[in-house]
Amino acid sequence: MNKYFIKGLLTGTFIGFILTSPKRELWLKQLECKLKRFARKAITHQK
């Protein structure tokens, strides 16, 4: 049991929990907003 496996397992469990959650739409929207914001920051920092 290395730490990467445990991390992957936790991430998988978390994603599975979100997907089966009734608030899935809300979660995904929030996640998408965070990812877009993060990507935008990453792109602007590269210039």
Protein backbone atom coordinates (compact mmCIF):
# COMPACT_ATOMS: atom_id res chain seq x y z
CA MET A 1 0.00 0.00 0.00
CA ASN A 2 1.93 3.01 -1.19
CA LYS A 3 0.71 6.56 -0.67
CA TYR A 4 -0.17 7.05 -4.34
CA PHE A 5 -2.52 4.08 -4.23
CA ILE A 6 -4.22 5.41 -1.09
CA LYS A 7 -4.47 8.89 -2.62
CA GLY A 8 -6.00 7.42 -5.77
CA LEU A 9 -8.42 5.35 -3.73
CA LEU A 10 -9.53 8.39 -1.72
CA THR A 11 -9.93 10.46 -4.88
CA GLY A 12 -11.93 7.67 -6.52
CA THR A 13 -14.16 7.34 -3.47
CA PHE A 14 -14.67 11.12 -3.37
CA ILE A 15 -15.57 11.26 -7.07
CA GLY A 16 -17.90 8.28 -6.66
CA PHE A 17 -19.57 10.01 -3.72
CA ILE A 18 -20.07 13.19 -5.75
CA LEU A 19 -21.49 11.28 -8.73
CA THR A 20 -24.01 9.42 -6.58
CA SER A 21 -24.89 12.53 -4.59
CA PRO A 22 -28.24 14.24 -5.25
CA LYS A 23 -26.38 17.56 -5.32
CA ARG A 24 -24.24 16.31 -8.21
CA GLU A 25 -25.20 19.11 -10.60
CA LEU A 26 -24.26 21.76 -8.06
CA TRP A 27 -20.97 20.03 -7.21
CA LEU A 28 -20.00 19.69 -10.87
CA LYS A 29 -20.80 23.34 -11.59
CA GLN A 30 -18.66 24.48 -8.66
CA LEU A 31 -15.86 22.15 -9.68
CA GLU A 32 -16.03 23.41 -13.27
CA CYS A 33 -15.85 27.03 -12.11
CA LYS A 34 -12.81 26.27 -9.96
CA LEU A 35 -11.08 24.42 -12.79
CA LYS A 36 -11.76 27.23 -15.28
CA ARG A 37 -10.47 29.85 -12.85
CA PHE A 38 -7.39 27.74 -12.14
CA ALA A 39 -6.75 27.19 -15.86
CA ARG A 40 -7.13 30.89 -16.58
CA LYS A 41 -4.60 31.73 -13.85
CA ALA A 42 -2.18 29.12 -15.19
CA ILE A 43 -2.49 30.49 -18.72
CA THR A 44 -1.98 34.12 -17.67
CA HIS A 45 1.08 33.18 -15.60
CA GLN A 46 2.69 31.45 -18.58
CA LYS A 47 2.82 34.66 -20.65
